[in-house]
């Protein structure tokens, strides 16, 4: 089996527990219904979208916190680990 070690830059993240509304403000997480782009950061000049999404445990997230980065340019694969489960 293989495991990738990835370094990522979260930048300005939006937090959610249900994938629809941010916490604590309650505004939309995504820019539109396709859910391919994050919503703009409230109060940002030149309508800058959030850089990443952090899904916190609670609501629809039951097991663990999830970190999502939508732009591949914000990630770098640093290691490939091969292992055997025994």
PDB file of N, CA and C in Angstrom:
ATOM      1  N   UNK A   1       0.836  -1.166   0.000  1.00  0.00           N
ATOM      2  CA  UNK A   1       0.000   0.000   0.000  1.00  0.00           C
ATOM      3  C   UNK A   1       0.890   1.242   0.000  1.00  0.00           C
ATOM      4  N   UNK A   2       0.290   2.323  -0.433  1.00  0.00           N
ATOM      5  CA  UNK A   2       1.034   3.580  -0.532  1.00  0.00           C
ATOM      6  C   UNK A   2       0.273   4.700   0.171  1.00  0.00           C
ATOM      7  N   UNK A   3       1.025   5.646   0.677  1.00  0.00           N
ATOM      8  CA  UNK A   3       0.453   6.824   1.319  1.00  0.00           C
ATOM      9  C   UNK A   3       1.230   8.040   0.820  1.00  0.00           C
ATOM     10  N   UNK A   4       0.528   9.054   0.383  1.00  0.00           N
ATOM     11  CA  UNK A   4       1.154  10.294  -0.048  1.00  0.00           C
ATOM     12  C   UNK A   4       1.191  11.277   1.116  1.00  0.00           C
ATOM     13  N   UNK A   5       2.317  11.920   1.321  1.00  0.00           N
ATOM     14  CA  UNK A   5       2.428  13.001   2.289  1.00  0.00           C
ATOM     15  C   UNK A   5       2.368  14.292   1.477  1.00  0.00           C
ATOM     16  N   UNK A   6       1.370  15.115   1.778  1.00  0.00           N
ATOM     17  CA  UNK A   6       1.131  16.320   0.999  1.00  0.00           C
ATOM     18  C   UNK A   6       1.207  17.545   1.906  1.00  0.00           C
ATOM     19  N   UNK A   7       1.920  18.547   1.448  1.00  0.00           N
ATOM     20  CA  UNK A   7       1.970  19.827   2.146  1.00  0.00           C
ATOM     21  C   UNK A   7       0.980  20.743   1.447  1.00  0.00           C
ATOM     22  N   UNK A   8       0.123  21.384   2.232  1.00  0.00           N
ATOM     23  CA  UNK A   8      -0.880  22.268   1.656  1.00  0.00           C
ATOM     24  C   UNK A   8      -0.925  23.612   2.346  1.00  0.00           C
ATOM     25  N   UNK A   9      -1.299  24.624   1.594  1.00  0.00           N
ATOM     26  CA  UNK A   9      -1.457  25.968   2.134  1.00  0.00           C
ATOM     27  C   UNK A   9      -2.954  26.241   2.234  1.00  0.00           C
ATOM     28  N   UNK A  10      -3.441  26.453   3.460  1.00  0.00           N
ATOM     29  CA  UNK A  10      -4.869  26.675   3.669  1.00  0.00           C
ATOM     30  C   UNK A  10      -5.287  28.119   3.406  1.00  0.00           C
ATOM     31  N   UNK A  11      -4.380  29.064   3.552  1.00  0.00           N
ATOM     32  CA  UNK A  11      -4.738  30.467   3.333  1.00  0.00           C
ATOM     33  C   UNK A  11      -5.855  30.908   4.253  1.00  0.00           C
ATOM     34  N   UNK A  12      -6.893  31.524   3.698  1.00  0.00           N
ATOM     35  CA  UNK A  12      -8.069  31.975   4.462  1.00  0.00           C
ATOM     36  C   UNK A  12      -9.159  30.913   4.299  1.00  0.00           C
ATOM     37  N   UNK A  13      -9.348  30.035   5.309  1.00  0.00           N
ATOM     38  CA  UNK A  13     -10.342  28.971   5.172  1.00  0.00           C
ATOM     39  C   UNK A  13     -11.740  29.409   5.596  1.00  0.00           C
ATOM     40  N   UNK A  14     -12.749  28.701   5.089  1.00  0.00           N
ATOM     41  CA  UNK A  14     -14.124  28.841   5.558  1.00  0.00           C
ATOM     42  C   UNK A  14     -14.419  27.566   6.347  1.00  0.00           C
ATOM     43  N   UNK A  15     -15.075  27.686   7.491  1.00  0.00           N
ATOM     44  CA  UNK A  15     -15.385  26.560   8.358  1.00  0.00           C
ATOM     45  C   UNK A  15     -16.862  26.202   8.230  1.00  0.00           C
ATOM     46  N   UNK A  16     -17.171  24.893   8.268  1.00  0.00           N
ATOM     47  CA  UNK A  16     -18.549  24.440   8.188  1.00  0.00           C
ATOM     48  C   UNK A  16     -18.724  23.141   8.959  1.00  0.00           C
ATOM     49  N   UNK A  17     -19.973  22.832   9.312  1.00  0.00           N
ATOM     50  CA  UNK A  17     -20.306  21.538   9.906  1.00  0.00           C
ATOM     51  C   UNK A  17     -21.334  20.795   9.059  1.00  0.00           C
ATOM     52  N   UNK A  18     -21.914  21.480   8.080  1.00  0.00           N
ATOM     53  CA  UNK A  18     -22.931  20.836   7.251  1.00  0.00           C
ATOM     54  C   UNK A  18     -22.664  20.938   5.748  1.00  0.00           C
ATOM     55  N   UNK A  19     -21.600  21.618   5.348  1.00  0.00           N
ATOM     56  CA  UNK A  19     -21.279  21.749   3.933  1.00  0.00           C
ATOM     57  C   UNK A  19     -22.089  22.799   3.194  1.00  0.00           C
ATOM     58  N   UNK A  20     -22.957  23.503   3.892  1.00  0.00           N
ATOM     59  CA  UNK A  20     -23.809  24.512   3.268  1.00  0.00           C
ATOM     60  C   UNK A  20     -23.574  25.914   3.826  1.00  0.00           C
ATOM     61  N   UNK A  21     -23.497  26.019   5.149  1.00  0.00           N
ATOM     62  CA  UNK A  21     -23.352  27.322   5.810  1.00  0.00           C
ATOM     63  C   UNK A  21     -22.076  27.359   6.634  1.00  0.00           C
ATOM     64  N   UNK A  22     -21.464  28.541   6.662  1.00  0.00           N
ATOM     65  CA  UNK A  22     -20.229  28.706   7.423  1.00  0.00           C
ATOM     66  C   UNK A  22     -20.550  28.824   8.910  1.00  0.00           C
ATOM     67  N   UNK A  23     -19.549  28.490   9.719  1.00  0.00           N
ATOM     68  CA  UNK A  23     -19.678  28.731  11.149  1.00  0.00           C
ATOM     69  C   UNK A  23     -18.609  29.733  11.534  1.00  0.00           C
ATOM     70  N   UNK A  24     -18.879  30.687  12.372  1.00  0.00           N
ATOM     71  CA  UNK A  24     -20.149  30.949  13.056  1.00  0.00           C
ATOM     72  C   UNK A  24     -21.087  31.894  12.309  1.00  0.00           C
ATOM     73  N   UNK A  25     -20.658  32.497  11.209  1.00  0.00           N
ATOM     74  CA  UNK A  25     -21.445  33.567  10.559  1.00  0.00           C
ATOM     75  C   UNK A  25     -22.728  33.086   9.892  1.00  0.00           C
ATOM     76  N   UNK A  26     -22.740  31.885   9.318  1.00  0.00           N
ATOM     77  CA  UNK A  26     -23.940  31.358   8.684  1.00  0.00           C
ATOM     78  C   UNK A  26     -24.135  31.742   7.227  1.00  0.00           C
ATOM     79  N   UNK A  27     -23.110  32.287   6.572  1.00  0.00           N
ATOM     80  CA  UNK A  27     -23.257  32.613   5.141  1.00  0.00           C
ATOM     81  C   UNK A  27     -22.921  31.384   4.299  1.00  0.00           C
ATOM     82  N   UNK A  28     -23.193  31.449   3.018  1.00  0.00           N
ATOM     83  CA  UNK A  28     -22.986  30.309   2.112  1.00  0.00           C
ATOM     84  C   UNK A  28     -21.508  29.928   2.029  1.00  0.00           C
ATOM     85  N   UNK A  29     -21.236  28.629   1.946  1.00  0.00           N
ATOM     86  CA  UNK A  29     -19.871  28.124   1.814  1.00  0.00           C
ATOM     87  C   UNK A  29     -19.424  28.160   0.358  1.00  0.00           C
ATOM     88  N   UNK A  30     -20.324  27.798  -0.559  1.00  0.00           N
ATOM     89  CA  UNK A  30     -19.977  27.717  -1.977  1.00  0.00           C
ATOM     90  C   UNK A  30     -20.532  28.898  -2.763  1.00  0.00           C
ATOM     91  N   UNK A  31     -19.867  29.206  -3.877  1.00  0.00           N
ATOM     92  CA  UNK A  31     -20.257  30.340  -4.712  1.00  0.00           C
ATOM     93  C   UNK A  31     -21.570  30.079  -5.452  1.00  0.00           C
ATOM     94  N   UNK A  32     -21.837  28.796  -5.806  1.00  0.00           N
ATOM     95  CA  UNK A  32     -23.066  28.454  -6.525  1.00  0.00           C
ATOM     96  C   UNK A  32     -23.461  27.013  -6.226  1.00  0.00           C
ATOM     97  N   UNK A  33     -24.518  26.541  -6.847  1.00  0.00           N
ATOM     98  CA  UNK A  33     -25.036  25.200  -6.554  1.00  0.00           C
ATOM     99  C   UNK A  33     -24.152  24.070  -7.085  1.00  0.00           C
ATOM    100  N   UNK A  34     -23.233  24.366  -8.002  1.00  0.00           N
ATOM    101  CA  UNK A  34     -22.321  23.341  -8.517  1.00  0.00           C
ATOM    102  C   UNK A  34     -21.280  22.923  -7.489  1.00  0.00           C
ATOM    103  N   UNK A  35     -21.039  23.742  -6.491  1.00  0.00           N
ATOM    104  CA  UNK A  35     -20.097  23.499  -5.393  1.00  0.00           C
ATOM    105  C   UNK A  35     -18.680  23.198  -5.872  1.00  0.00           C
ATOM    106  N   UNK A  36     -18.260  23.923  -6.905  1.00  0.00           N
ATOM    107  CA  UNK A  36     -16.898  23.771  -7.411  1.00  0.00           C
ATOM    108  C   UNK A  36     -15.990  24.910  -6.957  1.00  0.00           C
ATOM    109  N   UNK A  37     -16.591  26.007  -6.536  1.00  0.00           N
ATOM    110  CA  UNK A  37     -15.822  27.165  -6.081  1.00  0.00           C
ATOM    111  C   UNK A  37     -16.380  27.633  -4.746  1.00  0.00           C
ATOM    112  N   UNK A  38     -15.486  28.064  -3.877  1.00  0.00           N
ATOM    113  CA  UNK A  38     -15.909  28.573  -2.583  1.00  0.00           C
ATOM    114  C   UNK A  38     -16.439  29.992  -2.710  1.00  0.00           C
ATOM    115  N   UNK A  39     -17.254  30.389  -1.753  1.00  0.00           N
ATOM    116  CA  UNK A  39     -17.847  31.733  -1.736  1.00  0.00           C
ATOM    117  C   UNK A  39     -16.761  32.784  -1.505  1.00  0.00           C
ATOM    118  N   UNK A  40     -17.101  34.011  -1.810  1.00  0.00           N
ATOM    119  CA  UNK A  40     -16.176  35.117  -1.582  1.00  0.00           C
ATOM    120  C   UNK A  40     -16.066  35.424  -0.089  1.00  0.00           C
ATOM    121  N   UNK A  41     -14.882  35.856   0.314  1.00  0.00           N
ATOM    122  CA  UNK A  41     -14.639  36.257   1.696  1.00  0.00           C
ATOM    123  C   UNK A  41     -15.416  37.545   1.941  1.00  0.00           C
ATOM    124  N   UNK A  42     -16.303  37.560   2.953  1.00  0.00           N
ATOM    125  CA  UNK A  42     -17.075  38.779   3.224  1.00  0.00           C
ATOM    126  C   UNK A  42     -16.162  39.970   3.523  1.00  0.00           C
ATOM    127  N   UNK A  43     -16.438  41.081   2.894  1.00  0.00           N
ATOM    128  CA  UNK A  43     -15.676  42.307   3.117  1.00  0.00           C
ATOM    129  C   UNK A  43     -14.353  42.374   2.374  1.00  0.00           C
ATOM    130  N   UNK A  44     -14.036  41.379   1.524  1.00  0.00           N
ATOM    131  CA  UNK A  44     -12.770  41.412   0.803  1.00  0.00           C
ATOM    132  C   UNK A  44     -12.869  42.364  -0.389  1.00  0.00           C
ATOM    133  N   UNK A  45     -11.758  43.019  -0.669  1.00  0.00           N
ATOM    134  CA  UNK A  45     -11.702  43.886  -1.841  1.00  0.00           C
ATOM    135  C   UNK A  45     -11.517  43.008  -3.074  1.00  0.00           C
ATOM    136  N   UNK A  46     -12.131  43.362  -4.159  1.00  0.00           N
ATOM    137  CA  UNK A  46     -12.029  42.643  -5.441  1.00  0.00           C
ATOM    138  C   UNK A  46     -12.584  41.226  -5.368  1.00  0.00           C
ATOM    139  N   UNK A  47     -13.563  40.989  -4.508  1.00  0.00           N
ATOM    140  CA  UNK A  47     -14.283  39.703  -4.415  1.00  0.00           C
ATOM    141  C   UNK A  47     -13.346  38.503  -4.442  1.00  0.00           C
ATOM    142  N   UNK A  48     -12.600  38.303  -3.382  1.00  0.00           N
ATOM    143  CA  UNK A  48     -11.652  37.201  -3.263  1.00  0.00           C
ATOM    144  C   UNK A  48     -12.332  35.987  -2.635  1.00  0.00           C
ATOM    145  N   UNK A  49     -12.286  34.814  -3.297  1.00  0.00           N
ATOM    146  CA  UNK A  49     -12.910  33.620  -2.706  1.00  0.00           C
ATOM    147  C   UNK A  49     -12.042  33.040  -1.582  1.00  0.00           C
ATOM    148  N   UNK A  50     -12.693  32.292  -0.682  1.00  0.00           N
ATOM    149  CA  UNK A  50     -11.947  31.574   0.347  1.00  0.00           C
ATOM    150  C   UNK A  50     -10.945  30.650  -0.331  1.00  0.00           C
ATOM    151  N   UNK A  51      -9.843  30.344   0.363  1.00  0.00           N
ATOM    152  CA  UNK A  51      -8.779  29.523  -0.203  1.00  0.00           C
ATOM    153  C   UNK A  51      -8.960  28.037   0.079  1.00  0.00           C
ATOM    154  N   UNK A  52      -9.658  27.684   1.170  1.00  0.00           N
ATOM    155  CA  UNK A  52      -9.831  26.284   1.537  1.00  0.00           C
ATOM    156  C   UNK A  52     -11.089  26.125   2.382  1.00  0.00           C
ATOM    157  N   UNK A  53     -11.473  24.868   2.592  1.00  0.00           N
ATOM    158  CA  UNK A  53     -12.665  24.534   3.365  1.00  0.00           C
ATOM    159  C   UNK A  53     -12.263  23.599   4.494  1.00  0.00           C
ATOM    160  N   UNK A  54     -12.674  23.926   5.717  1.00  0.00           N
ATOM    161  CA  UNK A  54     -12.434  23.058   6.866  1.00  0.00           C
ATOM    162  C   UNK A  54     -13.784  22.617   7.393  1.00  0.00           C
ATOM    163  N   UNK A  55     -14.041  21.304   7.297  1.00  0.00           N
ATOM    164  CA  UNK A  55     -15.294  20.729   7.781  1.00  0.00           C
ATOM    165  C   UNK A  55     -15.061  20.211   9.192  1.00  0.00           C
ATOM    166  N   UNK A  56     -15.674  20.868  10.161  1.00  0.00           N
ATOM    167  CA  UNK A  56     -15.502  20.529  11.570  1.00  0.00           C
ATOM    168  C   UNK A  56     -16.451  19.404  11.981  1.00  0.00           C
ATOM    169  N   UNK A  57     -16.044  18.606  12.966  1.00  0.00           N
ATOM    170  CA  UNK A  57     -16.890  17.543  13.496  1.00  0.00           C
ATOM    171  C   UNK A  57     -18.134  18.155  14.128  1.00  0.00           C
ATOM    172  N   UNK A  58     -19.273  17.527  13.874  1.00  0.00           N
ATOM    173  CA  UNK A  58     -20.559  18.029  14.349  1.00  0.00           C
ATOM    174  C   UNK A  58     -21.473  18.201  13.150  1.00  0.00           C
ATOM    175  N   UNK A  59     -22.752  18.227  13.355  1.00  0.00           N
ATOM    176  CA  UNK A  59     -23.670  18.330  12.233  1.00  0.00           C
ATOM    177  C   UNK A  59     -23.579  17.083  11.373  1.00  0.00           C
ATOM    178  N   UNK A  60     -23.257  17.224  10.095  1.00  0.00           N
ATOM    179  CA  UNK A  60     -23.142  16.085   9.173  1.00  0.00           C
ATOM    180  C   UNK A  60     -21.777  15.397   9.229  1.00  0.00           C
ATOM    181  N   UNK A  61     -20.800  16.013   9.842  1.00  0.00           N
ATOM    182  CA  UNK A  61     -19.447  15.454   9.929  1.00  0.00           C
ATOM    183  C   UNK A  61     -19.346  14.671  11.235  1.00  0.00           C
ATOM    184  N   UNK A  62     -19.251  13.346  11.138  1.00  0.00           N
ATOM    185  CA  UNK A  62     -19.338  12.507  12.331  1.00  0.00           C
ATOM    186  C   UNK A  62     -18.006  11.981  12.850  1.00  0.00           C
ATOM    187  N   UNK A  63     -17.029  11.742  11.996  1.00  0.00           N
ATOM    188  CA  UNK A  63     -15.824  11.043  12.433  1.00  0.00           C
ATOM    189  C   UNK A  63     -14.617  11.930  12.702  1.00  0.00           C
ATOM    190  N   UNK A  64     -14.246  12.742  11.731  1.00  0.00           N
ATOM    191  CA  UNK A  64     -13.020  13.531  11.880  1.00  0.00           C
ATOM    192  C   UNK A  64     -13.107  14.812  11.068  1.00  0.00           C
ATOM    193  N   UNK A  65     -12.257  15.738  11.407  1.00  0.00           N
ATOM    194  CA  UNK A  65     -12.155  17.010  10.708  1.00  0.00           C
ATOM    195  C   UNK A  65     -11.608  16.782   9.296  1.00  0.00           C
ATOM    196  N   UNK A  66     -12.146  17.500   8.326  1.00  0.00           N
ATOM    197  CA  UNK A  66     -11.692  17.359   6.946  1.00  0.00           C
ATOM    198  C   UNK A  66     -11.164  18.699   6.444  1.00  0.00           C
ATOM    199  N   UNK A  67     -10.040  18.652   5.745  1.00  0.00           N
ATOM    200  CA  UNK A  67      -9.430  19.842   5.161  1.00  0.00           C
ATOM    201  C   UNK A  67      -9.447  19.677   3.653  1.00  0.00           C
ATOM    202  N   UNK A  68     -10.068  20.621   2.945  1.00  0.00           N
ATOM    203  CA  UNK A  68     -10.165  20.542   1.490  1.00  0.00           C
ATOM    204  C   UNK A  68      -9.526  21.767   0.858  1.00  0.00           C
ATOM    205  N   UNK A  69      -8.666  21.512  -0.119  1.00  0.00           N
ATOM    206  CA  UNK A  69      -8.015  22.577  -0.870  1.00  0.00           C
ATOM    207  C   UNK A  69      -8.458  22.418  -2.317  1.00  0.00           C
ATOM    208  N   UNK A  70      -9.038  23.454  -2.894  1.00  0.00           N
ATOM    209  CA  UNK A  70      -9.630  23.377  -4.219  1.00  0.00           C
ATOM    210  C   UNK A  70      -8.667  23.716  -5.347  1.00  0.00           C
ATOM    211  N   UNK A  71      -7.500  24.252  -5.034  1.00  0.00           N
ATOM    212  CA  UNK A  71      -6.532  24.669  -6.049  1.00  0.00           C
ATOM    213  C   UNK A  71      -5.270  23.826  -5.915  1.00  0.00           C
ATOM    214  N   UNK A  72      -4.972  23.024  -6.932  1.00  0.00           N
ATOM    215  CA  UNK A  72      -3.801  22.158  -6.911  1.00  0.00           C
ATOM    216  C   UNK A  72      -2.484  22.904  -6.777  1.00  0.00           C
ATOM    217  N   UNK A  73      -2.466  24.186  -7.145  1.00  0.00           N
ATOM    218  CA  UNK A  73      -1.247  24.982  -7.007  1.00  0.00           C
ATOM    219  C   UNK A  73      -0.927  25.285  -5.547  1.00  0.00           C
ATOM    220  N   UNK A  74      -1.841  25.016  -4.640  1.00  0.00           N
ATOM    221  CA  UNK A  74      -1.632  25.253  -3.207  1.00  0.00           C
ATOM    222  C   UNK A  74      -1.186  23.983  -2.484  1.00  0.00           C
ATOM    223  N   UNK A  75      -0.840  22.936  -3.231  1.00  0.00           N
ATOM    224  CA  UNK A  75      -0.396  21.676  -2.629  1.00  0.00           C
ATOM    225  C   UNK A  75       0.917  21.219  -3.258  1.00  0.00           C
ATOM    226  N   UNK A  76       1.659  20.419  -2.495  1.00  0.00           N
ATOM    227  CA  UNK A  76       2.892  19.820  -3.003  1.00  0.00           C
ATOM    228  C   UNK A  76       3.053  18.452  -2.356  1.00  0.00           C
ATOM    229  N   UNK A  77       3.212  17.423  -3.170  1.00  0.00           N
ATOM    230  CA  UNK A  77       3.455  16.078  -2.659  1.00  0.00           C
ATOM    231  C   UNK A  77       4.922  16.011  -2.235  1.00  0.00           C
ATOM    232  N   UNK A  78       5.175  15.752  -0.952  1.00  0.00           N
ATOM    233  CA  UNK A  78       6.542  15.772  -0.445  1.00  0.00           C
ATOM    234  C   UNK A  78       7.155  14.380  -0.318  1.00  0.00           C
ATOM    235  N   UNK A  79       6.322  13.365  -0.037  1.00  0.00           N
ATOM    236  CA  UNK A  79       6.837  12.005   0.133  1.00  0.00           C
ATOM    237  C   UNK A  79       5.808  10.982  -0.348  1.00  0.00           C
ATOM    238  N   UNK A  80       6.313   9.831  -0.763  1.00  0.00           N
ATOM    239  CA  UNK A  80       5.487   8.667  -1.049  1.00  0.00           C
ATOM    240  C   UNK A  80       5.976   7.558  -0.125  1.00  0.00           C
ATOM    241  N   UNK A  81       5.086   7.065   0.718  1.00  0.00           N
ATOM    242  CA  UNK A  81       5.447   6.038   1.685  1.00  0.00           C
ATOM    243  C   UNK A  81       4.814   4.714   1.253  1.00  0.00           C
ATOM    244  N   UNK A  82       5.635   3.673   1.148  1.00  0.00           N
ATOM    245  CA  UNK A  82       5.147   2.320   0.847  1.00  0.00           C
ATOM    246  C   UNK A  82       5.168   1.523   2.145  1.00  0.00           C
ATOM    247  N   UNK A  83       4.077   0.798   2.421  1.00  0.00           N
ATOM    248  CA  UNK A  83       4.017   0.010   3.646  1.00  0.00           C
ATOM    249  C   UNK A  83       3.174  -1.247   3.426  1.00  0.00           C
ATOM    250  N   UNK A  84       3.364  -2.189   4.321  1.00  0.00           N
ATOM    251  CA  UNK A  84       2.613  -3.452   4.300  1.00  0.00           C
ATOM    252  C   UNK A  84       1.826  -3.544   5.581  1.00  0.00           C
ATOM    253  N   UNK A  85       0.529  -3.789   5.450  1.00  0.00           N
ATOM    254  CA  UNK A  85      -0.306  -3.966   6.638  1.00  0.00           C
ATOM    255  C   UNK A  85      -0.168  -5.403   7.102  1.00  0.00           C
ATOM    256  N   UNK A  86       0.104  -5.579   8.369  1.00  0.00           N
ATOM    257  CA  UNK A  86       0.371  -6.916   8.840  1.00  0.00           C
ATOM    258  C   UNK A  86      -0.535  -7.352   9.840  1.00  0.00           C
TER     259      UNK A  86
END
